[in-house]
Structure formats: structure tokens, C-alpha cells
């Protein structure tokens, strides 16, 4: 008798920026709102700030997402694994090597210190990228 196959884990994505205080936090929130539990979604920073930046909190509140309970965390706080998708945002050499099947580097400006309309444009660009990423067929899951 053949044993049943173990349940398949959901596809996974890790969003990484330097401080895990703004862009990666926003990407994580958009992803969770979009796909819920169908993906395993995390964010982290190569040098975490310890808290989510007020600009990120404000930008996301404007679109109905609450980041006040989020915390900035380092890569040591995420599950050790080979991620299906790793998305880095603006950390360049500060992003350590993290095992991933697919690696993407999104050139997204930091919204902190920008005029409100610029910051909103960055947020909206990030939302479009997350939607495109998560609505595509997950890597290795066909």
C-alpha cells in the first residue's frame, strides 16, 4: 500500500529591503491582502530598523491596510528554507545571499522623505508589481 503524498506547502515569497521598515513591509501587506494563506509571505531586512516607518503606516492606511501591528525584523526571524521567490528592493550588496528558486531585484525608490504624491506613486507601483508577481503561475508549482 502506498503512503499518501505529503500535503504540498504553499508557494513562498520573501520581500527584503535594508531596514524592513517601509517597502518590504508594504509589499508583504499587499501580498497578504491579495492572496491570504494561498502563499507563505514574509518580509525582512538586512539591517532591520526595529519598527515600521510612519510613512509606510500612513501610505498603507490610505488604501485600507494597517501596518501598526507589524514589526521590522531581520533575516534571522524568517523560516530557514529555499524560497520560491525572493524579491529584493534597493538593498544591493547589503542583501545577503538567501536561497531562492527565483530572485528578483525591484528598483523601487524609498518613499521616505518624498513629496506625498511621489510616495503614493511608489506605493501604487509596488502594489502593481506584487499583484503581477502573485497572479502569475508560482515557480515550480505547475
N, C-alpha and C. Protein backbone atom coordinates (compact mmCIF):
# COMPACT_ATOMS: atom_id res chain seq x y z
N UNK A 1 0.84 -1.17 0.00
CA UNK A 1 0.00 0.00 0.00
C UNK A 1 0.89 1.24 0.00
N UNK A 2 0.59 2.17 -0.85
CA UNK A 2 1.38 3.39 -0.98
C UNK A 2 0.92 4.42 0.04
N UNK A 3 1.87 5.03 0.69
CA UNK A 3 1.53 6.09 1.65
C UNK A 3 1.03 7.31 0.90
N UNK A 4 0.09 8.02 1.47
CA UNK A 4 -0.38 9.24 0.80
C UNK A 4 0.74 10.27 0.69
N UNK A 5 0.71 11.01 -0.38
CA UNK A 5 1.72 12.06 -0.58
C UNK A 5 1.55 13.13 0.50
N UNK A 6 2.66 13.66 0.98
CA UNK A 6 2.53 14.73 1.97
C UNK A 6 1.85 15.94 1.34
N UNK A 7 1.14 16.70 2.14
CA UNK A 7 0.48 17.88 1.57
C UNK A 7 1.52 18.86 1.02
N UNK A 8 1.17 19.47 -0.09
CA UNK A 8 2.08 20.44 -0.70
C UNK A 8 2.02 21.73 0.10
N UNK A 9 3.18 22.28 0.34
CA UNK A 9 3.19 23.56 1.02
C UNK A 9 2.86 24.65 0.00
N UNK A 10 2.31 25.76 0.48
CA UNK A 10 2.01 26.84 -0.47
C UNK A 10 3.29 27.45 -1.01
N UNK A 11 3.23 28.09 -2.16
CA UNK A 11 4.41 28.78 -2.66
C UNK A 11 4.82 29.86 -1.67
N UNK A 12 6.08 30.21 -1.67
CA UNK A 12 6.60 31.16 -0.68
C UNK A 12 7.28 32.34 -1.36
N UNK A 13 7.16 33.50 -0.71
CA UNK A 13 7.83 34.70 -1.19
C UNK A 13 8.38 35.46 0.01
N UNK A 14 9.59 35.96 -0.16
CA UNK A 14 10.25 36.77 0.86
C UNK A 14 10.61 38.11 0.22
N UNK A 15 10.10 39.19 0.81
CA UNK A 15 10.42 40.55 0.36
C UNK A 15 11.49 41.10 1.29
N UNK A 16 12.61 41.59 0.72
CA UNK A 16 13.73 42.06 1.53
C UNK A 16 14.14 43.46 1.10
N UNK A 17 14.30 44.35 2.08
CA UNK A 17 14.95 45.63 1.88
C UNK A 17 15.92 45.82 3.04
N UNK A 18 16.58 46.93 3.14
CA UNK A 18 17.59 47.09 4.17
C UNK A 18 16.97 47.11 5.57
N UNK A 19 16.04 48.02 5.81
CA UNK A 19 15.54 48.24 7.17
C UNK A 19 14.28 47.45 7.51
N UNK A 20 13.62 46.86 6.51
CA UNK A 20 12.33 46.20 6.72
C UNK A 20 11.39 47.13 7.46
N UNK A 21 11.41 48.39 7.04
CA UNK A 21 10.59 49.40 7.70
C UNK A 21 9.59 50.05 6.77
N UNK A 22 9.75 49.87 5.45
CA UNK A 22 8.86 50.57 4.53
C UNK A 22 8.49 49.70 3.34
N UNK A 23 9.34 49.64 2.31
CA UNK A 23 8.97 48.95 1.07
C UNK A 23 8.64 47.48 1.27
N UNK A 24 9.49 46.74 1.95
CA UNK A 24 9.22 45.31 2.12
C UNK A 24 7.99 45.08 2.99
N UNK A 25 7.76 45.95 3.96
CA UNK A 25 6.55 45.85 4.79
C UNK A 25 5.30 46.10 3.95
N UNK A 26 5.36 47.10 3.07
CA UNK A 26 4.21 47.40 2.22
C UNK A 26 3.96 46.24 1.26
N UNK A 27 5.03 45.68 0.69
CA UNK A 27 4.88 44.54 -0.23
C UNK A 27 4.25 43.36 0.49
N UNK A 28 4.70 43.08 1.70
CA UNK A 28 4.13 41.97 2.47
C UNK A 28 2.64 42.20 2.71
N UNK A 29 2.27 43.41 3.10
CA UNK A 29 0.85 43.71 3.37
C UNK A 29 0.01 43.57 2.11
N UNK A 30 0.49 44.09 0.98
CA UNK A 30 -0.27 43.94 -0.27
C UNK A 30 -0.42 42.46 -0.62
N UNK A 31 0.66 41.69 -0.47
CA UNK A 31 0.61 40.27 -0.81
C UNK A 31 -0.38 39.52 0.07
N UNK A 32 -0.34 39.76 1.36
CA UNK A 32 -1.27 39.08 2.27
C UNK A 32 -2.72 39.45 1.96
N UNK A 33 -2.96 40.71 1.64
CA UNK A 33 -4.32 41.14 1.30
C UNK A 33 -4.79 40.50 0.01
N UNK A 34 -3.87 40.27 -0.90
CA UNK A 34 -4.22 39.74 -2.22
C UNK A 34 -4.44 38.23 -2.21
N UNK A 35 -3.56 37.48 -1.57
CA UNK A 35 -3.65 36.01 -1.67
C UNK A 35 -3.85 35.30 -0.34
N UNK A 36 -3.85 36.03 0.75
CA UNK A 36 -4.11 35.41 2.05
C UNK A 36 -3.17 34.25 2.33
N UNK A 37 -3.74 33.10 2.62
CA UNK A 37 -2.96 31.92 3.02
C UNK A 37 -2.54 31.05 1.83
N UNK A 38 -2.88 31.46 0.61
CA UNK A 38 -2.51 30.65 -0.55
C UNK A 38 -1.01 30.70 -0.83
N UNK A 39 -0.33 31.69 -0.30
CA UNK A 39 1.12 31.80 -0.36
C UNK A 39 1.64 31.95 1.07
N UNK A 40 2.88 31.54 1.30
CA UNK A 40 3.55 31.87 2.54
C UNK A 40 4.35 33.14 2.28
N UNK A 41 4.02 34.19 3.01
CA UNK A 41 4.53 35.52 2.70
C UNK A 41 5.28 36.08 3.92
N UNK A 42 6.49 36.55 3.68
CA UNK A 42 7.31 37.15 4.72
C UNK A 42 8.02 38.38 4.18
N UNK A 43 8.46 39.22 5.10
CA UNK A 43 9.38 40.30 4.75
C UNK A 43 10.45 40.37 5.83
N UNK A 44 11.61 40.90 5.45
CA UNK A 44 12.72 41.02 6.39
C UNK A 44 13.68 42.09 5.89
N UNK A 45 14.62 42.44 6.74
CA UNK A 45 15.63 43.42 6.37
C UNK A 45 17.03 42.91 6.64
N UNK A 46 17.98 43.39 5.86
CA UNK A 46 19.37 43.01 6.09
C UNK A 46 19.93 43.73 7.31
N UNK A 47 19.39 44.90 7.61
CA UNK A 47 19.73 45.65 8.84
C UNK A 47 18.42 46.25 9.36
N UNK A 48 17.59 45.44 10.05
CA UNK A 48 16.26 45.90 10.44
C UNK A 48 16.28 47.12 11.35
N UNK A 49 15.32 47.99 11.13
CA UNK A 49 15.21 49.23 11.90
C UNK A 49 14.57 49.02 13.27
N UNK A 50 13.85 47.93 13.42
CA UNK A 50 13.19 47.68 14.70
C UNK A 50 11.74 48.13 14.74
N UNK A 51 11.36 48.99 13.82
CA UNK A 51 9.96 49.44 13.76
C UNK A 51 9.61 49.82 12.33
N UNK A 52 8.33 49.78 12.05
CA UNK A 52 7.84 50.17 10.73
C UNK A 52 7.81 51.70 10.68
N UNK A 53 8.25 52.25 9.58
CA UNK A 53 8.33 53.71 9.43
C UNK A 53 6.93 54.31 9.36
N UNK A 54 6.71 55.45 10.02
CA UNK A 54 5.40 56.11 9.97
C UNK A 54 4.91 56.42 8.56
N UNK A 55 5.82 56.68 7.64
CA UNK A 55 5.42 56.94 6.25
C UNK A 55 4.73 55.70 5.67
N UNK A 56 5.28 54.52 5.91
CA UNK A 56 4.67 53.29 5.41
C UNK A 56 3.30 53.08 6.04
N UNK A 57 3.21 53.32 7.33
CA UNK A 57 1.93 53.16 8.02
C UNK A 57 0.89 54.08 7.41
N UNK A 58 1.24 55.34 7.19
CA UNK A 58 0.30 56.31 6.63
C UNK A 58 -0.10 55.94 5.19
N UNK A 59 0.89 55.60 4.36
CA UNK A 59 0.60 55.25 2.97
C UNK A 59 -0.34 54.06 2.87
N UNK A 60 -0.15 53.09 3.72
CA UNK A 60 -0.98 51.89 3.66
C UNK A 60 -2.36 52.13 4.26
N UNK A 61 -2.44 52.97 5.29
CA UNK A 61 -3.76 53.32 5.83
C UNK A 61 -4.63 53.96 4.75
N UNK A 62 -4.01 54.73 3.86
CA UNK A 62 -4.76 55.38 2.79
C UNK A 62 -5.45 54.38 1.86
N UNK A 63 -4.93 53.16 1.80
CA UNK A 63 -5.54 52.13 0.94
C UNK A 63 -6.19 51.01 1.77
N UNK A 64 -6.41 51.30 3.05
CA UNK A 64 -7.17 50.38 3.89
C UNK A 64 -6.38 49.24 4.50
N UNK A 65 -5.05 49.33 4.54
CA UNK A 65 -4.23 48.28 5.14
C UNK A 65 -3.50 48.84 6.36
N UNK A 66 -3.53 48.10 7.45
CA UNK A 66 -2.99 48.57 8.72
C UNK A 66 -1.66 47.89 9.03
N UNK A 67 -0.60 48.68 9.10
CA UNK A 67 0.74 48.16 9.41
C UNK A 67 1.13 48.40 10.87
N UNK A 68 0.24 48.95 11.67
CA UNK A 68 0.62 49.31 13.03
C UNK A 68 1.04 48.10 13.87
N UNK A 69 0.54 46.92 13.57
CA UNK A 69 0.93 45.73 14.36
C UNK A 69 2.16 45.03 13.77
N UNK A 70 2.64 45.48 12.62
CA UNK A 70 3.82 44.88 12.01
C UNK A 70 5.07 45.30 12.77
N UNK A 71 6.11 44.48 12.67
CA UNK A 71 7.39 44.84 13.27
C UNK A 71 8.50 44.62 12.24
N UNK A 72 9.50 45.42 12.34
CA UNK A 72 10.67 45.28 11.48
C UNK A 72 11.50 44.12 12.00
N UNK A 73 11.88 43.20 11.11
CA UNK A 73 12.62 42.02 11.54
C UNK A 73 13.76 41.72 10.58
N UNK A 74 14.72 40.98 11.09
CA UNK A 74 15.87 40.60 10.29
C UNK A 74 15.67 39.25 9.63
N UNK A 75 16.59 38.90 8.78
CA UNK A 75 16.52 37.63 8.06
C UNK A 75 16.58 36.42 9.00
N UNK A 76 17.16 36.61 10.18
CA UNK A 76 17.21 35.50 11.13
C UNK A 76 15.84 35.19 11.74
N UNK A 77 14.85 36.04 11.50
CA UNK A 77 13.49 35.84 12.04
C UNK A 77 12.56 35.12 11.07
N UNK A 78 13.03 34.86 9.85
CA UNK A 78 12.17 34.17 8.88
C UNK A 78 12.56 32.69 8.83
N UNK A 79 11.64 31.83 8.42
CA UNK A 79 11.95 30.40 8.38
C UNK A 79 13.13 30.11 7.45
N UNK A 80 14.05 29.26 7.90
CA UNK A 80 15.16 28.87 7.02
C UNK A 80 14.63 27.92 5.95
N UNK A 81 14.85 28.25 4.71
CA UNK A 81 14.34 27.44 3.61
C UNK A 81 14.90 27.98 2.30
N UNK A 82 14.60 27.27 1.24
CA UNK A 82 14.80 27.81 -0.10
C UNK A 82 13.46 28.39 -0.51
N UNK A 83 13.42 29.69 -0.69
CA UNK A 83 12.18 30.39 -1.04
C UNK A 83 11.85 30.16 -2.50
N UNK A 84 10.56 30.12 -2.81
CA UNK A 84 10.18 30.04 -4.21
C UNK A 84 10.56 31.34 -4.92
N UNK A 85 10.28 32.48 -4.26
CA UNK A 85 10.62 33.78 -4.83
C UNK A 85 11.24 34.65 -3.75
N UNK A 86 12.35 35.27 -4.07
CA UNK A 86 12.98 36.28 -3.23
C UNK A 86 12.94 37.59 -4.01
N UNK A 87 12.37 38.62 -3.39
CA UNK A 87 12.32 39.94 -4.02
C UNK A 87 13.12 40.90 -3.16
N UNK A 88 14.18 41.46 -3.73
CA UNK A 88 14.95 42.48 -3.02
C UNK A 88 14.56 43.85 -3.55
N UNK A 89 14.65 44.83 -2.67
CA UNK A 89 14.24 46.19 -3.03
C UNK A 89 15.25 47.20 -2.51
N UNK A 90 16.15 47.58 -3.36
CA UNK A 90 17.05 48.68 -3.03
C UNK A 90 18.14 48.39 -2.04
N UNK A 91 18.43 47.12 -1.76
CA UNK A 91 19.48 46.89 -0.76
C UNK A 91 20.81 46.51 -1.40
N UNK A 92 20.84 46.25 -2.68
CA UNK A 92 22.11 45.99 -3.37
C UNK A 92 22.99 44.99 -2.65
N UNK A 93 24.22 45.38 -2.39
CA UNK A 93 25.16 44.48 -1.72
C UNK A 93 24.80 44.21 -0.27
N UNK A 94 23.93 45.02 0.31
CA UNK A 94 23.53 44.81 1.71
C UNK A 94 22.56 43.63 1.84
N UNK A 95 22.02 43.14 0.71
CA UNK A 95 21.13 41.98 0.75
C UNK A 95 21.98 40.72 0.69
N UNK A 96 22.04 39.99 1.78
CA UNK A 96 22.84 38.77 1.76
C UNK A 96 22.23 37.71 0.85
N UNK A 97 23.01 36.70 0.54
CA UNK A 97 22.51 35.62 -0.28
C UNK A 97 21.49 34.80 0.51
N UNK A 98 20.30 34.71 -0.02
CA UNK A 98 19.23 33.92 0.57
C UNK A 98 18.85 32.89 -0.48
N UNK A 99 18.77 31.60 -0.11
CA UNK A 99 18.43 30.59 -1.11
C UNK A 99 17.03 30.80 -1.67
N UNK A 100 16.92 30.81 -3.00
CA UNK A 100 15.63 31.02 -3.65
C UNK A 100 15.66 30.41 -5.04
N UNK A 101 14.51 29.89 -5.47
CA UNK A 101 14.39 29.37 -6.83
C UNK A 101 14.40 30.51 -7.84
N UNK A 102 13.74 31.61 -7.49
CA UNK A 102 13.67 32.78 -8.36
C UNK A 102 14.05 34.00 -7.55
N UNK A 103 14.97 34.80 -8.09
CA UNK A 103 15.41 36.02 -7.43
C UNK A 103 15.04 37.21 -8.31
N UNK A 104 14.38 38.19 -7.72
CA UNK A 104 14.01 39.41 -8.43
C UNK A 104 14.56 40.60 -7.66
N UNK A 105 15.08 41.58 -8.37
CA UNK A 105 15.52 42.82 -7.73
C UNK A 105 14.68 43.94 -8.30
N UNK A 106 13.78 44.43 -7.48
CA UNK A 106 12.91 45.52 -7.91
C UNK A 106 13.56 46.85 -7.58
N UNK A 107 13.75 47.67 -8.60
CA UNK A 107 14.32 49.00 -8.42
C UNK A 107 13.17 49.93 -8.01
N UNK A 108 12.94 50.02 -6.72
CA UNK A 108 11.85 50.83 -6.18
C UNK A 108 12.45 51.83 -5.21
N UNK A 109 12.19 53.10 -5.46
CA UNK A 109 12.71 54.16 -4.60
C UNK A 109 12.09 54.06 -3.20
N UNK A 110 12.82 54.55 -2.23
CA UNK A 110 12.31 54.61 -0.86
C UNK A 110 11.33 55.79 -0.79
N UNK A 111 10.08 55.55 -0.33
CA UNK A 111 9.12 56.64 -0.26
C UNK A 111 9.38 57.64 0.87
N UNK A 112 10.22 57.27 1.83
CA UNK A 112 10.50 58.16 2.96
C UNK A 112 11.21 59.41 2.46
N UNK A 113 10.72 60.56 2.89
CA UNK A 113 11.31 61.84 2.50
C UNK A 113 10.83 62.38 1.17
N UNK A 114 9.92 61.70 0.53
CA UNK A 114 9.38 62.15 -0.76
C UNK A 114 8.12 63.00 -0.55
N UNK A 115 7.78 63.79 -1.55
CA UNK A 115 6.51 64.51 -1.53
C UNK A 115 5.38 63.48 -1.51
N UNK A 116 4.24 63.81 -0.89
CA UNK A 116 3.15 62.83 -0.76
C UNK A 116 2.74 62.17 -2.07
N UNK A 117 2.64 62.94 -3.16
CA UNK A 117 2.22 62.34 -4.43
C UNK A 117 3.27 61.38 -4.98
N UNK A 118 4.56 61.68 -4.75
CA UNK A 118 5.63 60.76 -5.15
C UNK A 118 5.57 59.47 -4.34
N UNK A 119 5.39 59.62 -3.03
CA UNK A 119 5.32 58.45 -2.15
C UNK A 119 4.13 57.57 -2.53
N UNK A 120 3.01 58.17 -2.85
CA UNK A 120 1.83 57.39 -3.27
C UNK A 120 2.10 56.67 -4.59
N UNK A 121 2.82 57.31 -5.49
CA UNK A 121 3.17 56.67 -6.76
C UNK A 121 4.06 55.45 -6.54
N UNK A 122 5.00 55.55 -5.60
CA UNK A 122 5.86 54.42 -5.26
C UNK A 122 5.02 53.30 -4.68
N UNK A 123 4.13 53.63 -3.76
CA UNK A 123 3.24 52.62 -3.16
C UNK A 123 2.41 51.92 -4.22
N UNK A 124 1.84 52.71 -5.14
CA UNK A 124 0.98 52.13 -6.17
C UNK A 124 1.77 51.26 -7.15
N UNK A 125 3.01 51.65 -7.46
CA UNK A 125 3.87 50.83 -8.30
C UNK A 125 4.18 49.51 -7.60
N UNK A 126 4.45 49.58 -6.32
CA UNK A 126 4.73 48.38 -5.54
C UNK A 126 3.51 47.45 -5.55
N UNK A 127 2.33 48.01 -5.38
CA UNK A 127 1.11 47.18 -5.41
C UNK A 127 0.97 46.47 -6.75
N UNK A 128 1.18 47.18 -7.86
CA UNK A 128 1.08 46.57 -9.19
C UNK A 128 2.10 45.43 -9.36
N UNK A 129 3.30 45.64 -8.89
CA UNK A 129 4.33 44.60 -9.01
C UNK A 129 3.97 43.36 -8.20
N UNK A 130 3.47 43.57 -6.98
CA UNK A 130 3.07 42.44 -6.13
C UNK A 130 1.92 41.68 -6.79
N UNK A 131 0.94 42.41 -7.31
CA UNK A 131 -0.19 41.76 -7.98
C UNK A 131 0.28 40.93 -9.17
N UNK A 132 1.16 41.49 -9.99
CA UNK A 132 1.68 40.79 -11.16
C UNK A 132 2.44 39.53 -10.73
N UNK A 133 3.28 39.66 -9.71
CA UNK A 133 4.07 38.53 -9.22
C UNK A 133 3.18 37.40 -8.72
N UNK A 134 2.21 37.72 -7.88
CA UNK A 134 1.43 36.69 -7.23
C UNK A 134 0.32 36.11 -8.11
N UNK A 135 -0.05 36.81 -9.14
CA UNK A 135 -1.09 36.30 -10.01
C UNK A 135 -0.51 35.43 -11.12
N UNK A 136 0.81 35.48 -11.29
CA UNK A 136 1.48 34.60 -12.27
C UNK A 136 1.53 33.19 -11.68
N UNK A 137 1.79 32.21 -12.49
CA UNK A 137 1.93 30.84 -12.01
C UNK A 137 3.13 30.76 -11.08
N UNK A 138 2.96 30.28 -9.84
CA UNK A 138 4.08 30.19 -8.92
C UNK A 138 5.20 29.31 -9.47
N UNK A 139 6.45 29.71 -9.23
CA UNK A 139 7.58 28.93 -9.72
C UNK A 139 7.56 27.50 -9.19
N UNK A 140 7.83 26.57 -10.06
CA UNK A 140 7.92 25.17 -9.65
C UNK A 140 6.62 24.56 -9.18
N UNK A 141 5.49 25.17 -9.50
CA UNK A 141 4.21 24.67 -8.99
C UNK A 141 3.26 24.23 -10.10
N UNK A 142 3.73 24.15 -11.33
CA UNK A 142 2.84 23.75 -12.44
C UNK A 142 2.45 22.30 -12.34
